């Protein structure tokens, strides 16, 4: 039971943070504040690394039983979220570049 609660809690937290990051990325693009996208790209990279570690542990039932005493079944949702994070990070890095100021 604890493993299931932790799994779905982390999954929902990753979804929530991804949506929050996407909304603010759109707001910053609309306001032409592209430099702020780099900050979100860094935070999303940290979230991606945490998600990959979490996915790695939860895809091995022996590790789940070692750390959480019981195991839970996983699904493809977490993997899809991590792929969406990779796409979001790449988009934030590309769109976060500031145009060079032309000298007189």
Protein backbone atom coordinates (compact mmCIF):
# COMPACT_ATOMS: atom_id res chain seq x y z
CA UNK A 1 0.00 0.00 0.00
CA UNK A 2 2.79 2.44 0.87
CA UNK A 3 4.58 1.71 -2.41
CA UNK A 4 1.42 2.45 -4.38
CA UNK A 5 0.85 5.74 -2.55
CA UNK A 6 4.47 6.81 -3.12
CA UNK A 7 4.34 5.79 -6.78
CA UNK A 8 1.17 7.71 -7.56
CA UNK A 9 2.20 10.65 -5.38
CA UNK A 10 5.47 11.11 -7.25
CA UNK A 11 3.74 10.56 -10.59
CA UNK A 12 1.13 13.23 -9.82
CA UNK A 13 3.82 15.59 -8.53
CA UNK A 14 5.81 15.19 -11.76
CA UNK A 15 2.67 15.83 -13.81
CA UNK A 16 1.82 18.91 -11.74
CA UNK A 17 5.31 20.38 -11.98
CA UNK A 18 5.44 19.69 -15.72
CA UNK A 19 2.14 21.49 -16.31
CA UNK A 20 3.22 24.39 -14.07
CA UNK A 21 6.50 24.68 -15.95
CA UNK A 22 4.74 24.54 -19.33
CA UNK A 23 2.26 27.26 -18.36
CA UNK A 24 4.98 29.61 -17.13
CA UNK A 25 7.13 28.85 -20.18
CA UNK A 26 4.25 29.97 -22.39
CA UNK A 27 3.77 33.11 -20.28
CA UNK A 28 7.48 33.96 -20.50
CA UNK A 29 7.51 33.38 -24.25
CA UNK A 30 4.46 35.62 -24.64
CA UNK A 31 6.16 38.37 -22.61
CA UNK A 32 9.42 37.89 -24.55
CA UNK A 33 11.32 36.98 -21.36
CA UNK A 34 13.12 34.06 -22.95
CA UNK A 35 16.01 34.05 -20.49
CA UNK A 36 13.72 32.74 -17.74
CA UNK A 37 13.23 29.53 -19.72
CA UNK A 38 16.80 28.54 -18.87
CA UNK A 39 15.92 28.48 -15.17
CA UNK A 40 12.96 26.20 -15.84
CA UNK A 41 15.13 24.01 -18.06
CA UNK A 42 17.56 23.53 -15.17
CA UNK A 43 14.76 22.74 -12.71
CA UNK A 44 13.16 20.36 -15.19
CA UNK A 45 16.48 18.60 -15.68
CA UNK A 46 16.67 18.01 -11.93
CA UNK A 47 13.07 16.75 -11.95
CA UNK A 48 13.92 14.47 -14.88
CA UNK A 49 16.92 13.01 -13.06
CA UNK A 50 14.77 12.37 -9.97
CA UNK A 51 12.08 10.82 -12.16
CA UNK A 52 14.57 8.57 -13.92
CA UNK A 53 15.96 7.37 -10.59
CA UNK A 54 12.45 6.79 -9.27
CA UNK A 55 11.46 4.95 -12.48
CA UNK A 56 14.60 2.80 -12.26
CA UNK A 57 13.86 1.73 -8.68
CA UNK A 58 10.17 1.13 -9.27
CA UNK A 59 10.72 -1.01 -12.37
CA UNK A 60 12.71 -3.51 -10.29
CA UNK A 61 10.39 -5.41 -7.93
CA UNK A 62 13.27 -6.70 -5.83
CA UNK A 63 14.41 -3.13 -5.09
CA UNK A 64 10.86 -2.10 -4.26
CA UNK A 65 10.60 -4.93 -1.76
CA UNK A 66 13.98 -3.99 -0.28
CA UNK A 67 13.21 -0.28 0.14
CA UNK A 68 9.44 -0.38 0.73
CA UNK A 69 8.81 -3.95 2.03
CA UNK A 70 6.27 -4.52 -0.75
CA UNK A 71 6.10 -4.00 -4.51
CA UNK A 72 3.57 -2.28 -6.72
CA UNK A 73 2.83 -2.65 -10.40
CA UNK A 74 3.95 0.21 -12.61
CA UNK A 75 2.52 1.41 -15.89
CA UNK A 76 3.70 3.37 -18.92
CA UNK A 77 2.47 6.72 -17.61
CA UNK A 78 5.69 7.50 -15.75
CA UNK A 79 7.80 6.72 -18.82
CA UNK A 80 5.59 8.96 -20.94
CA UNK A 81 5.96 11.77 -18.41
CA UNK A 82 9.75 11.45 -18.53
CA UNK A 83 9.72 11.59 -22.34
CA UNK A 84 7.55 14.72 -22.14
CA UNK A 85 10.12 16.25 -19.76
CA UNK A 86 12.90 15.62 -22.29
CA UNK A 87 10.85 17.33 -25.02
CA UNK A 88 10.03 20.25 -22.69
CA UNK A 89 13.68 20.71 -21.68
CA UNK A 90 14.85 20.72 -25.29
CA UNK A 91 12.15 23.25 -26.22
CA UNK A 92 13.06 25.48 -23.27
CA UNK A 93 16.75 25.43 -24.15
CA UNK A 94 16.10 26.24 -27.80
CA UNK A 95 13.49 28.94 -27.14
CA UNK A 96 15.38 30.36 -24.15
CA UNK A 97 18.15 31.82 -26.25
CA UNK A 98 18.20 35.60 -26.28
CA UNK A 99 18.76 37.29 -29.62
CA UNK A 100 22.15 38.93 -29.96
CA UNK A 101 22.13 42.70 -29.79
CA UNK A 102 23.56 44.21 -32.93
CA UNK A 103 26.24 46.77 -32.34
CA UNK A 104 26.11 50.13 -34.08
